[in-house]
C-alpha cells in the first residue's frame, strides 16, 4: 500500500507577517530614496563631440555612487531649456548642472531652482549670478594660449577672427585672453584683422559659409584664422581646403579627434585641450557635495570667478593645455585619442606621436 502524502497548508504567524510588512516598507522607502537622489543636467545641445565626453565624465562619478543621472537636451532652444528645467525640478532634483543656451534667458530657471533649495552649477557657460557655482576651465587662459600658439607661427599679416555665438558671455572671456597677445601686434600694425564674425550657436556649417564669404571678399588674401572652437575650425578648414589654402595657421579648442588628426597632418596649428571628461567628473562631485548640504564656497577646490556684472562667484576652474604638432603625445598618453586615430592618413613629416 502506497503511503499517502497530505499537503499541509503553510501558516504564517502574525509576527512574521508584521516583520515582512516592516521589511517591505523599509525596502520601499529605500527605493523611493534612491529615486529621489538624482542630479539633473540640462544640456544646451548635443551638436558637438565634446558634450558626450563631458556627459561620460559626469556619469562616471554619479552612477557608481548610486546617484541617478537625469538629463534633457534643449536642442539650442532657450525656451525649451526653461521647460526642460521646470520639468526636471518637478521630478525632484537634488542638484542641477546647467549648460546654458542663453545665459540671460535661463535666469528665471536659476531663480526657481534657488527658491526650491536646489543648488545650481553653471557648467562651462557662465551665468551672471552669485548663487551658482561656475564649473569650467580658466577661459582667459584658453584664449591666451590659443593666440600664443598662433603667433608663434605667424605674427603678422591679415587675420580673420571667427568667434562663437554673441549671446554667450564666454565669448568675451575667450576674446579677453586672445587680445592679451594680439592687441599689441594689432596696435603696431603687424597684424590686421580683416574680418571678425560671430557664429550663431557655433555651427560648423555656418562657420564654413561665413569663411567662404570672407575669402571671396578678401580675394583669398588671408594669412591666419583664429577660430574659437574646433567645430567652427572644421567648417573653416573646409572653406580653406576648397581654395587650396588648408595649412595656413588655424586655431580651435576642445581637442576634437578630427582636429587632432588635422594637427598631425600639419593642417591646423593648435587646439586648446580642455579635458572635458575631468570637468564632468569635477562638476558631478561638486553636485553631490552641494546636494548633501555643502555651501557653494565650501566645495572642494572652489576658487572665485568675476561675473559679467562684477559679482564674485564661487568657481571650479581647471587648467587648459595648448596642443600643437609638437606635443600630440599628451592626448595619446592620456587615452583621449588612440594613436591609430590620431595618425590616420599622416604620410609626410609625421609628428613624434605618430612615429
C-alpha atoms as a PDB file:
ATOM      1  CA  UNK A   1       0.000   0.000   0.000  1.00  0.00           C
ATOM      2  CA  UNK A   2       1.456   3.304  -1.091  1.00  0.00           C
ATOM      3  CA  UNK A   3       1.890   5.937   1.578  1.00  0.00           C
ATOM      4  CA  UNK A   4      -0.449   8.850   1.481  1.00  0.00           C
ATOM      5  CA  UNK A   5       1.111  12.302   1.437  1.00  0.00           C
ATOM      6  CA  UNK A   6      -1.064  15.001   2.847  1.00  0.00           C
ATOM      7  CA  UNK A   7      -0.460  18.573   1.646  1.00  0.00           C
ATOM      8  CA  UNK A   8      -0.449  20.782   4.675  1.00  0.00           C
ATOM      9  CA  UNK A   9      -1.400  24.423   4.436  1.00  0.00           C
ATOM     10  CA  UNK A  10       1.527  26.687   5.261  1.00  0.00           C
ATOM     11  CA  UNK A  11       0.710  29.050   8.066  1.00  0.00           C
ATOM     12  CA  UNK A  12       2.412  32.356   8.800  1.00  0.00           C
ATOM     13  CA  UNK A  13       2.412  33.817  12.234  1.00  0.00           C
ATOM     14  CA  UNK A  14       1.180  37.314  12.880  1.00  0.00           C
ATOM     15  CA  UNK A  15       4.673  38.327  13.972  1.00  0.00           C
ATOM     16  CA  UNK A  16       6.179  37.077  10.683  1.00  0.00           C
ATOM     17  CA  UNK A  17       3.569  38.983   8.737  1.00  0.00           C
ATOM     18  CA  UNK A  18       4.365  42.123  10.686  1.00  0.00           C
ATOM     19  CA  UNK A  19       8.104  41.645  10.108  1.00  0.00           C
ATOM     20  CA  UNK A  20       7.523  41.133   6.391  1.00  0.00           C
ATOM     21  CA  UNK A  21       5.399  44.247   6.198  1.00  0.00           C
ATOM     22  CA  UNK A  22       8.066  46.218   8.036  1.00  0.00           C
ATOM     23  CA  UNK A  23      10.831  44.976   5.750  1.00  0.00           C
ATOM     24  CA  UNK A  24       8.688  45.742   2.713  1.00  0.00           C
ATOM     25  CA  UNK A  25       8.128  49.275   3.955  1.00  0.00           C
ATOM     26  CA  UNK A  26      11.857  49.760   4.565  1.00  0.00           C
ATOM     27  CA  UNK A  27      12.728  48.490   1.077  1.00  0.00           C
ATOM     28  CA  UNK A  28      10.050  50.709  -0.440  1.00  0.00           C
ATOM     29  CA  UNK A  29      11.429  53.696   1.450  1.00  0.00           C
ATOM     30  CA  UNK A  30      14.956  52.890   0.295  1.00  0.00           C
ATOM     31  CA  UNK A  31      13.757  52.553  -3.288  1.00  0.00           C
ATOM     32  CA  UNK A  32      11.990  55.894  -3.061  1.00  0.00           C
ATOM     33  CA  UNK A  33      15.091  57.498  -1.572  1.00  0.00           C
ATOM     34  CA  UNK A  34      17.278  56.060  -4.341  1.00  0.00           C
ATOM     35  CA  UNK A  35      14.919  57.516  -6.912  1.00  0.00           C
ATOM     36  CA  UNK A  36      14.987  60.873  -5.131  1.00  0.00           C
ATOM     37  CA  UNK A  37      18.784  61.026  -5.098  1.00  0.00           C
ATOM     38  CA  UNK A  38      19.222  62.451  -8.550  1.00  0.00           C
ATOM     39  CA  UNK A  39      21.418  65.014 -10.270  1.00  0.00           C
ATOM     40  CA  UNK A  40      19.686  66.786 -13.137  1.00  0.00           C
ATOM     41  CA  UNK A  41      21.642  68.044 -16.154  1.00  0.00           C
ATOM     42  CA  UNK A  42      20.326  70.482 -18.743  1.00  0.00           C
ATOM     43  CA  UNK A  43      22.393  70.458 -21.953  1.00  0.00           C
ATOM     44  CA  UNK A  44      22.030  73.287 -24.433  1.00  0.00           C
ATOM     45  CA  UNK A  45      22.573  70.838 -27.297  1.00  0.00           C
ATOM     46  CA  UNK A  46      24.500  67.737 -28.299  1.00  0.00           C
ATOM     47  CA  UNK A  47      25.731  69.186 -31.584  1.00  0.00           C
ATOM     48  CA  UNK A  48      29.409  68.922 -30.673  1.00  0.00           C
ATOM     49  CA  UNK A  49      31.504  65.848 -29.964  1.00  0.00           C
ATOM     50  CA  UNK A  50      32.762  67.183 -26.659  1.00  0.00           C
ATOM     51  CA  UNK A  51      29.426  67.232 -24.778  1.00  0.00           C
ATOM     52  CA  UNK A  52      29.228  63.452 -24.914  1.00  0.00           C
ATOM     53  CA  UNK A  53      32.678  63.354 -23.334  1.00  0.00           C
ATOM     54  CA  UNK A  54      31.516  65.707 -20.558  1.00  0.00           C
ATOM     55  CA  UNK A  55      28.435  63.540 -20.027  1.00  0.00           C
ATOM     56  CA  UNK A  56      30.544  60.406 -19.712  1.00  0.00           C
ATOM     57  CA  UNK A  57      32.622  62.147 -17.039  1.00  0.00           C
ATOM     58  CA  UNK A  58      29.508  63.094 -15.062  1.00  0.00           C
ATOM     59  CA  UNK A  59      28.061  59.584 -15.257  1.00  0.00           C
ATOM     60  CA  UNK A  60      31.369  58.014 -14.214  1.00  0.00           C
ATOM     61  CA  UNK A  61      31.037  59.738 -10.834  1.00  0.00           C
ATOM     62  CA  UNK A  62      27.294  59.562 -10.237  1.00  0.00           C
ATOM     63  CA  UNK A  63      26.409  56.029 -11.233  1.00  0.00           C
ATOM     64  CA  UNK A  64      28.972  54.136  -9.090  1.00  0.00           C
ATOM     65  CA  UNK A  65      27.916  56.280  -6.117  1.00  0.00           C
ATOM     66  CA  UNK A  66      24.259  55.351  -6.591  1.00  0.00           C
ATOM     67  CA  UNK A  67      23.047  58.749  -7.776  1.00  0.00           C
ATOM     68  CA  UNK A  68      20.562  58.882 -10.635  1.00  0.00           C
ATOM     69  CA  UNK A  69      21.533  60.887 -13.719  1.00  0.00           C
ATOM     70  CA  UNK A  70      18.617  62.748 -15.341  1.00  0.00           C
ATOM     71  CA  UNK A  71      19.212  64.908 -18.405  1.00  0.00           C
ATOM     72  CA  UNK A  72      17.488  66.927 -21.120  1.00  0.00           C
ATOM     73  CA  UNK A  73      18.721  68.309 -24.449  1.00  0.00           C
ATOM     74  CA  UNK A  74      17.473  71.844 -25.131  1.00  0.00           C
ATOM     75  CA  UNK A  75      18.380  71.484 -28.827  1.00  0.00           C
ATOM     76  CA  UNK A  76      19.707  75.078 -28.906  1.00  0.00           C
ATOM     77  CA  UNK A  77      16.301  76.461 -27.886  1.00  0.00           C
ATOM     78  CA  UNK A  78      16.352  78.738 -24.791  1.00  0.00           C
ATOM     79  CA  UNK A  79      12.604  78.357 -24.234  1.00  0.00           C
ATOM     80  CA  UNK A  80      12.820  74.569 -24.429  1.00  0.00           C
ATOM     81  CA  UNK A  81      15.641  74.720 -21.909  1.00  0.00           C
ATOM     82  CA  UNK A  82      13.387  76.604 -19.479  1.00  0.00           C
ATOM     83  CA  UNK A  83      10.656  73.993 -19.926  1.00  0.00           C
ATOM     84  CA  UNK A  84      13.186  71.178 -19.530  1.00  0.00           C
ATOM     85  CA  UNK A  85      14.469  72.585 -16.252  1.00  0.00           C
ATOM     86  CA  UNK A  86      10.960  73.161 -14.902  1.00  0.00           C
ATOM     87  CA  UNK A  87      10.075  69.524 -15.660  1.00  0.00           C
ATOM     88  CA  UNK A  88      13.274  68.192 -14.095  1.00  0.00           C
ATOM     89  CA  UNK A  89      12.822  70.286 -10.948  1.00  0.00           C
ATOM     90  CA  UNK A  90       9.293  68.889 -10.658  1.00  0.00           C
ATOM     91  CA  UNK A  91      10.791  65.382 -10.773  1.00  0.00           C
ATOM     92  CA  UNK A  92      12.825  66.104  -7.639  1.00  0.00           C
ATOM     93  CA  UNK A  93      16.392  67.203  -8.461  1.00  0.00           C
ATOM     94  CA  UNK A  94      18.905  67.293  -5.620  1.00  0.00           C
ATOM     95  CA  UNK A  95      21.214  69.498  -7.685  1.00  0.00           C
ATOM     96  CA  UNK A  96      21.122  70.975 -11.197  1.00  0.00           C
ATOM     97  CA  UNK A  97      24.049  71.111 -13.627  1.00  0.00           C
ATOM     98  CA  UNK A  98      23.167  73.673 -16.267  1.00  0.00           C
ATOM     99  CA  UNK A  99      24.887  74.317 -19.603  1.00  0.00           C
ATOM    100  CA  UNK A 100      23.022  77.453 -20.643  1.00  0.00           C
ATOM    101  CA  UNK A 101      21.986  78.075 -24.224  1.00  0.00           C
ATOM    102  CA  UNK A 102      21.310  81.715 -23.316  1.00  0.00           C
ATOM    103  CA  UNK A 103      22.882  82.781 -20.029  1.00  0.00           C
ATOM    104  CA  UNK A 104      20.391  85.612 -19.520  1.00  0.00           C
ATOM    105  CA  UNK A 105      17.237  83.817 -20.666  1.00  0.00           C
ATOM    106  CA  UNK A 106      17.947  80.964 -18.238  1.00  0.00           C
ATOM    107  CA  UNK A 107      17.993  83.214 -15.142  1.00  0.00           C
ATOM    108  CA  UNK A 108      14.303  82.536 -14.257  1.00  0.00           C
ATOM    109  CA  UNK A 109      15.103  78.813 -14.095  1.00  0.00           C
ATOM    110  CA  UNK A 110      18.052  79.537 -11.800  1.00  0.00           C
ATOM    111  CA  UNK A 111      15.759  81.624  -9.571  1.00  0.00           C
ATOM    112  CA  UNK A 112      13.210  78.797  -9.489  1.00  0.00           C
ATOM    113  CA  UNK A 113      15.859  76.253  -8.508  1.00  0.00           C
ATOM    114  CA  UNK A 114      17.177  78.549  -5.775  1.00  0.00           C
ATOM    115  CA  UNK A 115      13.641  79.101  -4.459  1.00  0.00           C
ATOM    116  CA  UNK A 116      13.179  75.327  -4.231  1.00  0.00           C
ATOM    117  CA  UNK A 117      16.507  74.864  -2.473  1.00  0.00           C
ATOM    118  CA  UNK A 118      18.147  73.107  -5.419  1.00  0.00           C
ATOM    119  CA  UNK A 119      21.825  74.106  -5.831  1.00  0.00           C
ATOM    120  CA  UNK A 120      22.855  75.080  -9.363  1.00  0.00           C
ATOM    121  CA  UNK A 121      26.153  74.561 -11.183  1.00  0.00           C
ATOM    122  CA  UNK A 122      26.698  76.758 -14.252  1.00  0.00           C
ATOM    123  CA  UNK A 123      28.515  74.295 -16.480  1.00  0.00           C
ATOM    124  CA  UNK A 124      31.186  75.728 -18.816  1.00  0.00           C
ATOM    125  CA  UNK A 125      28.991  78.720 -19.736  1.00  0.00           C
ATOM    126  CA  UNK A 126      28.943  81.475 -17.101  1.00  0.00           C
ATOM    127  CA  UNK A 127      25.672  82.657 -15.585  1.00  0.00           C
ATOM    128  CA  UNK A 128      25.693  86.112 -14.002  1.00  0.00           C
ATOM    129  CA  UNK A 129      24.503  85.109 -10.539  1.00  0.00           C
ATOM    130  CA  UNK A 130      26.424  84.806  -7.257  1.00  0.00           C
ATOM    131  CA  UNK A 131      24.037  81.992  -6.284  1.00  0.00           C
ATOM    132  CA  UNK A 132      25.512  79.400  -8.624  1.00  0.00           C
ATOM    133  CA  UNK A 133      28.812  77.536  -8.753  1.00  0.00           C
ATOM    134  CA  UNK A 134      30.669  78.045 -12.050  1.00  0.00           C
ATOM    135  CA  UNK A 135      32.451  74.899 -13.274  1.00  0.00           C
ATOM    136  CA  UNK A 136      34.709  75.387 -16.267  1.00  0.00           C
ATOM    137  CA  UNK A 137      38.288  75.950 -17.295  1.00  0.00           C
ATOM    138  CA  UNK A 138      40.388  79.078 -16.946  1.00  0.00           C
ATOM    139  CA  UNK A 139      38.859  80.519 -20.096  1.00  0.00           C
ATOM    140  CA  UNK A 140      41.021  83.654 -20.202  1.00  0.00           C
ATOM    141  CA  UNK A 141      43.948  81.225 -20.363  1.00  0.00           C
ATOM    142  CA  UNK A 142      42.151  79.333 -23.163  1.00  0.00           C
ATOM    143  CA  UNK A 143      42.083  82.479 -25.312  1.00  0.00           C
ATOM    144  CA  UNK A 144      45.627  83.459 -24.425  1.00  0.00           C
ATOM    145  CA  UNK A 145      47.092  80.008 -25.166  1.00  0.00           C
ATOM    146  CA  UNK A 146      45.239  79.886 -28.476  1.00  0.00           C
ATOM    147  CA  UNK A 147      46.638  83.250 -29.592  1.00  0.00           C
ATOM    148  CA  UNK A 148      50.146  82.470 -28.335  1.00  0.00           C
ATOM    149  CA  UNK A 149      50.327  79.269 -30.372  1.00  0.00           C
ATOM    150  CA  UNK A 150      49.120  81.095 -33.477  1.00  0.00           C
ATOM    151  CA  UNK A 151      51.545  83.998 -33.053  1.00  0.00           C
ATOM    152  CA  UNK A 152      54.389  81.524 -32.631  1.00  0.00           C
ATOM    153  CA  UNK A 153      53.924  80.518 -36.274  1.00  0.00           C
ATOM    154  CA  UNK A 154      52.583  83.779 -37.764  1.00  0.00           C
ATOM    155  CA  UNK A 155      52.787  87.144 -36.004  1.00  0.00           C
ATOM    156  CA  UNK A 156      51.836  89.370 -38.932  1.00  0.00           C
ATOM    157  CA  UNK A 157      49.588  89.577 -41.984  1.00  0.00           C
ATOM    158  CA  UNK A 158      45.823  89.505 -42.496  1.00  0.00           C
ATOM    159  CA  UNK A 159      43.933  87.707 -39.747  1.00  0.00           C
ATOM    160  CA  UNK A 160      40.311  86.576 -39.528  1.00  0.00           C
ATOM    161  CA  UNK A 161      38.613  86.121 -36.153  1.00  0.00           C
ATOM    162  CA  UNK A 162      35.813  83.533 -36.126  1.00  0.00           C
ATOM    163  CA  UNK A 163      34.048  83.836 -32.780  1.00  0.00           C
ATOM    164  CA  UNK A 164      31.266  81.940 -31.028  1.00  0.00           C
ATOM    165  CA  UNK A 165      27.651  82.937 -30.516  1.00  0.00           C
ATOM    166  CA  UNK A 166      27.432  86.577 -29.412  1.00  0.00           C
ATOM    167  CA  UNK A 167      24.701  85.637 -26.914  1.00  0.00           C
ATOM    168  CA  UNK A 168      27.191  83.559 -24.922  1.00  0.00           C
ATOM    169  CA  UNK A 169      29.198  85.670 -22.434  1.00  0.00           C
ATOM    170  CA  UNK A 170      32.053  83.162 -22.533  1.00  0.00           C
ATOM    171  CA  UNK A 171      32.950  84.547 -25.981  1.00  0.00           C
ATOM    172  CA  UNK A 172      34.038  87.783 -24.313  1.00  0.00           C
ATOM    173  CA  UNK A 173      36.211  85.852 -21.867  1.00  0.00           C
ATOM    174  CA  UNK A 174      37.963  83.944 -24.662  1.00  0.00           C
ATOM    175  CA  UNK A 175      38.466  87.219 -26.542  1.00  0.00           C
ATOM    176  CA  UNK A 176      39.975  88.896 -23.470  1.00  0.00           C
ATOM    177  CA  UNK A 177      42.609  86.176 -23.359  1.00  0.00           C
ATOM    178  CA  UNK A 178      43.272  86.370 -27.088  1.00  0.00           C
ATOM    179  CA  UNK A 179      43.718  90.125 -27.005  1.00  0.00           C
ATOM    180  CA  UNK A 180      46.329  89.932 -24.256  1.00  0.00           C
ATOM    181  CA  UNK A 181      48.518  88.528 -27.017  1.00  0.00           C
ATOM    182  CA  UNK A 182      47.119  90.074 -30.192  1.00  0.00           C
ATOM    183  CA  UNK A 183      46.340  93.659 -29.235  1.00  0.00           C
ATOM    184  CA  UNK A 184      49.972  94.871 -29.157  1.00  0.00           C
ATOM    185  CA  UNK A 185      50.535  93.357 -32.611  1.00  0.00           C
ATOM    186  CA  UNK A 186      47.314  94.910 -33.903  1.00  0.00           C
ATOM    187  CA  UNK A 187      48.255  98.307 -32.460  1.00  0.00           C
ATOM    188  CA  UNK A 188      51.695  98.144 -34.070  1.00  0.00           C
ATOM    189  CA  UNK A 189      50.217  97.249 -37.453  1.00  0.00           C
ATOM    190  CA  UNK A 190      51.908  93.848 -37.647  1.00  0.00           C
ATOM    191  CA  UNK A 191      48.539  92.126 -37.646  1.00  0.00           C
ATOM    192  CA  UNK A 192      45.499  93.483 -39.479  1.00  0.00           C
ATOM    193  CA  UNK A 193      42.124  91.986 -38.561  1.00  0.00           C
ATOM    194  CA  UNK A 194      40.376  91.952 -41.935  1.00  0.00           C
ATOM    195  CA  UNK A 195      37.217  90.226 -40.665  1.00  0.00           C
ATOM    196  CA  UNK A 196      35.676  89.404 -37.301  1.00  0.00           C
ATOM    197  CA  UNK A 197      32.461  87.396 -37.229  1.00  0.00           C
ATOM    198  CA  UNK A 198      30.287  85.760 -34.573  1.00  0.00           C
ATOM    199  CA  UNK A 199      28.776  82.385 -35.491  1.00  0.00           C
ATOM    200  CA  UNK A 200      25.264  81.592 -34.251  1.00  0.00           C
ATOM    201  CA  UNK A 201      25.269  78.531 -31.997  1.00  0.00           C
ATOM    202  CA  UNK A 202      28.910  77.912 -33.007  1.00  0.00           C
ATOM    203  CA  UNK A 203      27.620  76.000 -36.058  1.00  0.00           C
ATOM    204  CA  UNK A 204      30.360  74.422 -38.221  1.00  0.00           C
ATOM    205  CA  UNK A 205      28.339  74.789 -41.439  1.00  0.00           C
ATOM    206  CA  UNK A 206      27.710  78.464 -40.744  1.00  0.00           C
ATOM    207  CA  UNK A 207      31.413  78.951 -39.972  1.00  0.00           C
ATOM    208  CA  UNK A 208      32.203  77.371 -43.343  1.00  0.00           C
ATOM    209  CA  UNK A 209      29.839  79.586 -45.337  1.00  0.00           C
ATOM    210  CA  UNK A 210      30.988  82.676 -43.418  1.00  0.00           C
ATOM    211  CA  UNK A 211      34.625  81.865 -44.139  1.00  0.00           C
ATOM    212  CA  UNK A 212      33.867  81.297 -47.805  1.00  0.00           C
ATOM    213  CA  UNK A 213      32.281  84.759 -47.991  1.00  0.00           C
ATOM    214  CA  UNK A 214      35.266  86.337 -46.229  1.00  0.00           C
ATOM    215  CA  UNK A 215      37.736  84.654 -48.575  1.00  0.00           C
ATOM    216  CA  UNK A 216      35.796  85.970 -51.559  1.00  0.00           C
ATOM    217  CA  UNK A 217      35.704  89.472 -50.083  1.00  0.00           C
ATOM    218  CA  UNK A 218      39.438  89.377 -49.350  1.00  0.00           C
ATOM    219  CA  UNK A 219      40.422  87.768 -52.669  1.00  0.00           C
ATOM    220  CA  UNK A 220      41.894  84.887 -50.631  1.00  0.00           C
ATOM    221  CA  UNK A 221      44.425  87.241 -49.022  1.00  0.00           C
ATOM    222  CA  UNK A 222      44.072  85.747 -45.547  1.00  0.00           C
ATOM    223  CA  UNK A 223      47.126  84.627 -43.594  1.00  0.00           C
ATOM    224  CA  UNK A 224      45.637  83.196 -40.385  1.00  0.00           C
ATOM    225  CA  UNK A 225      42.255  82.279 -38.903  1.00  0.00           C
ATOM    226  CA  UNK A 226      41.690  82.460 -35.170  1.00  0.00           C
ATOM    227  CA  UNK A 227      38.617  80.237 -34.673  1.00  0.00           C
ATOM    228  CA  UNK A 228      37.280  79.926 -31.133  1.00  0.00           C
ATOM    229  CA  UNK A 229      36.430  76.213 -31.143  1.00  0.00           C
ATOM    230  CA  UNK A 230      37.055  73.007 -33.051  1.00  0.00           C
ATOM    231  CA  UNK A 231      33.595  72.684 -34.549  1.00  0.00           C
ATOM    232  CA  UNK A 232      33.944  76.071 -36.225  1.00  0.00           C
ATOM    233  CA  UNK A 233      37.569  75.371 -37.182  1.00  0.00           C
ATOM    234  CA  UNK A 234      36.368  72.289 -39.050  1.00  0.00           C
ATOM    235  CA  UNK A 235      33.948  74.459 -41.010  1.00  0.00           C
ATOM    236  CA  UNK A 236      36.749  76.958 -41.670  1.00  0.00           C
ATOM    237  CA  UNK A 237      39.082  74.144 -42.743  1.00  0.00           C
ATOM    238  CA  UNK A 238      36.539  73.019 -45.351  1.00  0.00           C
ATOM    239  CA  UNK A 239      36.356  76.547 -46.735  1.00  0.00           C
ATOM    240  CA  UNK A 240      40.159  76.804 -46.829  1.00  0.00           C
ATOM    241  CA  UNK A 241      40.506  73.407 -48.493  1.00  0.00           C
ATOM    242  CA  UNK A 242      38.177  74.493 -51.297  1.00  0.00           C
ATOM    243  CA  UNK A 243      40.652  77.317 -52.063  1.00  0.00           C
ATOM    244  CA  UNK A 244      43.760  75.127 -51.662  1.00  0.00           C
ATOM    245  CA  UNK A 245      44.613  77.174 -48.557  1.00  0.00           C
ATOM    246  CA  UNK A 246      44.444  74.432 -45.922  1.00  0.00           C
ATOM    247  CA  UNK A 247      47.614  74.683 -43.858  1.00  0.00           C
ATOM    248  CA  UNK A 248      47.591  78.391 -43.037  1.00  0.00           C
ATOM    249  CA  UNK A 249      47.592  78.992 -39.255  1.00  0.00           C
ATOM    250  CA  UNK A 250      44.245  77.907 -37.784  1.00  0.00           C
ATOM    251  CA  UNK A 251      43.146  77.537 -34.166  1.00  0.00           C
ATOM    252  CA  UNK A 252      40.399  75.848 -32.199  1.00  0.00           C
ATOM    253  CA  UNK A 253      39.608  74.386 -28.810  1.00  0.00           C
ATOM    254  CA  UNK A 254      38.113  71.194 -27.346  1.00  0.00           C
ATOM    255  CA  UNK A 255      40.536  68.570 -28.668  1.00  0.00           C
ATOM    256  CA  UNK A 256      38.114  67.063 -31.202  1.00  0.00           C
ATOM    257  CA  UNK A 257      39.553  63.911 -32.760  1.00  0.00           C
ATOM    258  CA  UNK A 258      39.143  65.277 -36.282  1.00  0.00           C
ATOM    259  CA  UNK A 259      41.116  68.368 -35.333  1.00  0.00           C
ATOM    260  CA  UNK A 260      43.887  66.427 -33.601  1.00  0.00           C
ATOM    261  CA  UNK A 261      44.272  64.397 -36.784  1.00  0.00           C
ATOM    262  CA  UNK A 262      44.419  67.645 -38.766  1.00  0.00           C
ATOM    263  CA  UNK A 263      47.190  68.925 -36.488  1.00  0.00           C
ATOM    264  CA  UNK A 264      49.119  65.682 -37.047  1.00  0.00           C
ATOM    265  CA  UNK A 265      48.799  66.278 -40.797  1.00  0.00           C
ATOM    266  CA  UNK A 266      50.039  69.864 -40.474  1.00  0.00           C
ATOM    267  CA  UNK A 267      46.643  71.275 -41.471  1.00  0.00           C
ATOM    268  CA  UNK A 268      45.828  73.048 -38.189  1.00  0.00           C
ATOM    269  CA  UNK A 269      48.067  74.871 -35.739  1.00  0.00           C
ATOM    270  CA  UNK A 270      46.506  74.380 -32.332  1.00  0.00           C
ATOM    271  CA  UNK A 271      43.550  73.167 -30.342  1.00  0.00           C
ATOM    272  CA  UNK A 272      43.151  74.020 -26.696  1.00  0.00           C
ATOM    273  CA  UNK A 273      42.625  70.742 -24.914  1.00  0.00           C
ATOM    274  CA  UNK A 274      40.189  71.028 -22.081  1.00  0.00           C
ATOM    275  CA  UNK A 275      39.870  67.516 -20.730  1.00  0.00           C
ATOM    276  CA  UNK A 276      36.100  67.717 -20.541  1.00  0.00           C
ATOM    277  CA  UNK A 277      35.851  64.247 -19.037  1.00  0.00           C
ATOM    278  CA  UNK A 278      37.674  65.637 -15.994  1.00  0.00           C
ATOM    279  CA  UNK A 279      35.409  68.695 -15.998  1.00  0.00           C
ATOM    280  CA  UNK A 280      32.349  66.443 -15.996  1.00  0.00           C
ATOM    281  CA  UNK A 281      33.795  64.484 -13.081  1.00  0.00           C
ATOM    282  CA  UNK A 282      34.563  67.687 -11.133  1.00  0.00           C
ATOM    283  CA  UNK A 283      31.043  69.038 -11.709  1.00  0.00           C
ATOM    284  CA  UNK A 284      29.453  65.750 -10.660  1.00  0.00           C
ATOM    285  CA  UNK A 285      31.481  65.583  -7.452  1.00  0.00           C
ATOM    286  CA  UNK A 286      30.542  69.205  -6.706  1.00  0.00           C
ATOM    287  CA  UNK A 287      26.869  68.458  -7.402  1.00  0.00           C
ATOM    288  CA  UNK A 288      26.918  65.598  -4.903  1.00  0.00           C
ATOM    289  CA  UNK A 289      28.626  67.789  -2.279  1.00  0.00           C
ATOM    290  CA  UNK A 290      26.044  70.532  -2.793  1.00  0.00           C
ATOM    291  CA  UNK A 291      23.156  68.059  -2.731  1.00  0.00           C
ATOM    292  CA  UNK A 292      24.459  66.786   0.594  1.00  0.00           C
ATOM    293  CA  UNK A 293      24.307  70.298   2.026  1.00  0.00           C
ATOM    294  CA  UNK A 294      27.728  71.827   1.442  1.00  0.00           C
ATOM    295  CA  UNK A 295      27.787  75.587   0.785  1.00  0.00           C
ATOM    296  CA  UNK A 296      28.764  76.792  -2.709  1.00  0.00           C
ATOM    297  CA  UNK A 297      32.005  78.294  -1.452  1.00  0.00           C
ATOM    298  CA  UNK A 298      32.784  75.130   0.503  1.00  0.00           C
ATOM    299  CA  UNK A 299      33.009  72.808  -2.497  1.00  0.00           C
ATOM    300  CA  UNK A 300      36.394  71.114  -2.689  1.00  0.00           C
ATOM    301  CA  UNK A 301      38.777  73.110  -4.896  1.00  0.00           C
ATOM    302  CA  UNK A 302      36.475  76.106  -5.242  1.00  0.00           C
ATOM    303  CA  UNK A 303      38.009  79.469  -6.059  1.00  0.00           C
ATOM    304  CA  UNK A 304      36.287  82.674  -7.248  1.00  0.00           C
ATOM    305  CA  UNK A 305      35.241  83.983 -10.653  1.00  0.00           C
ATOM    306  CA  UNK A 306      34.152  87.510 -11.552  1.00  0.00           C
ATOM    307  CA  UNK A 307      30.788  87.541 -13.323  1.00  0.00           C
ATOM    308  CA  UNK A 308      29.843  89.828 -16.194  1.00  0.00           C
ATOM    309  CA  UNK A 309      28.313  92.364 -13.781  1.00  0.00           C
ATOM    310  CA  UNK A 310      31.328  92.260 -11.457  1.00  0.00           C
ATOM    311  CA  UNK A 311      29.918  89.954  -8.792  1.00  0.00           C
ATOM    312  CA  UNK A 312      32.138  87.345  -7.157  1.00  0.00           C
ATOM    313  CA  UNK A 313      31.023  83.814  -7.836  1.00  0.00           C
ATOM    314  CA  UNK A 314      32.396  80.538  -6.422  1.00  0.00           C
ATOM    315  CA  UNK A 315      34.032  78.536  -9.192  1.00  0.00           C
ATOM    316  CA  UNK A 316      35.923  75.387 -10.133  1.00  0.00           C
ATOM    317  CA  UNK A 317      38.424  76.328 -12.857  1.00  0.00           C
ATOM    318  CA  UNK A 318      40.544  73.608 -14.454  1.00  0.00           C
ATOM    319  CA  UNK A 319      43.725  74.352 -16.403  1.00  0.00           C
ATOM    320  CA  UNK A 320      43.656  74.048 -20.225  1.00  0.00           C
ATOM    321  CA  UNK A 321      46.563  72.830 -22.382  1.00  0.00           C
ATOM    322  CA  UNK A 322      47.546  74.016 -25.866  1.00  0.00           C
ATOM    323  CA  UNK A 323      48.014  71.005 -28.154  1.00  0.00           C
ATOM    324  CA  UNK A 324      50.215  71.520 -31.200  1.00  0.00           C
ATOM    325  CA  UNK A 325      52.183  69.327 -33.616  1.00  0.00           C
ATOM    326  CA  UNK A 326      54.994  69.090 -31.043  1.00  0.00           C
ATOM    327  CA  UNK A 327      53.063  67.709 -28.055  1.00  0.00           C
ATOM    328  CA  UNK A 328      50.376  65.463 -29.553  1.00  0.00           C
ATOM    329  CA  UNK A 329      51.754  62.634 -27.428  1.00  0.00           C
ATOM    330  CA  UNK A 330      49.967  64.214 -24.431  1.00  0.00           C
ATOM    331  CA  UNK A 331      46.499  63.354 -25.752  1.00  0.00           C
ATOM    332  CA  UNK A 332      47.590  59.853 -26.784  1.00  0.00           C
ATOM    333  CA  UNK A 333      49.207  59.132 -23.409  1.00  0.00           C
ATOM    334  CA  UNK A 334      46.062  60.381 -21.645  1.00  0.00           C
ATOM    335  CA  UNK A 335      43.884  57.979 -23.656  1.00  0.00           C
ATOM    336  CA  UNK A 336      41.968  60.903 -25.178  1.00  0.00           C
ATOM    337  CA  UNK A 337      42.613  59.556 -28.687  1.00  0.00           C
ATOM    338  CA  UNK A 338      44.236  56.390 -29.986  1.00  0.00           C
ATOM    339  CA  UNK A 339      47.478  56.584 -31.926  1.00  0.00           C
ATOM    340  CA  UNK A 340      45.730  54.985 -34.913  1.00  0.00           C
ATOM    341  CA  UNK A 341      43.015  57.658 -34.964  1.00  0.00           C
ATOM    342  CA  UNK A 342      45.497  60.470 -34.442  1.00  0.00           C
ATOM    343  CA  UNK A 343      47.842  59.312 -37.174  1.00  0.00           C
ATOM    344  CA  UNK A 344      45.296  58.117 -39.739  1.00  0.00           C
ATOM    345  CA  UNK A 345      46.350  59.400 -43.159  1.00  0.00           C
ATOM    346  CA  UNK A 346      49.568  61.005 -41.894  1.00  0.00           C
ATOM    347  CA  UNK A 347      52.059  60.249 -44.668  1.00  0.00           C
ATOM    348  CA  UNK A 348      54.571  63.109 -44.624  1.00  0.00           C
ATOM    349  CA  UNK A 349      56.594  64.594 -41.759  1.00  0.00           C
ATOM    350  CA  UNK A 350      54.797  62.651 -39.026  1.00  0.00           C
ATOM    351  CA  UNK A 351      54.895  64.184 -35.553  1.00  0.00           C
ATOM    352  CA  UNK A 352      56.726  62.350 -32.777  1.00  0.00           C
ATOM    353  CA  UNK A 353      53.404  60.937 -31.547  1.00  0.00           C
ATOM    354  CA  UNK A 354      52.986  59.098 -34.880  1.00  0.00           C
ATOM    355  CA  UNK A 355      56.492  57.710 -35.147  1.00  0.00           C
END
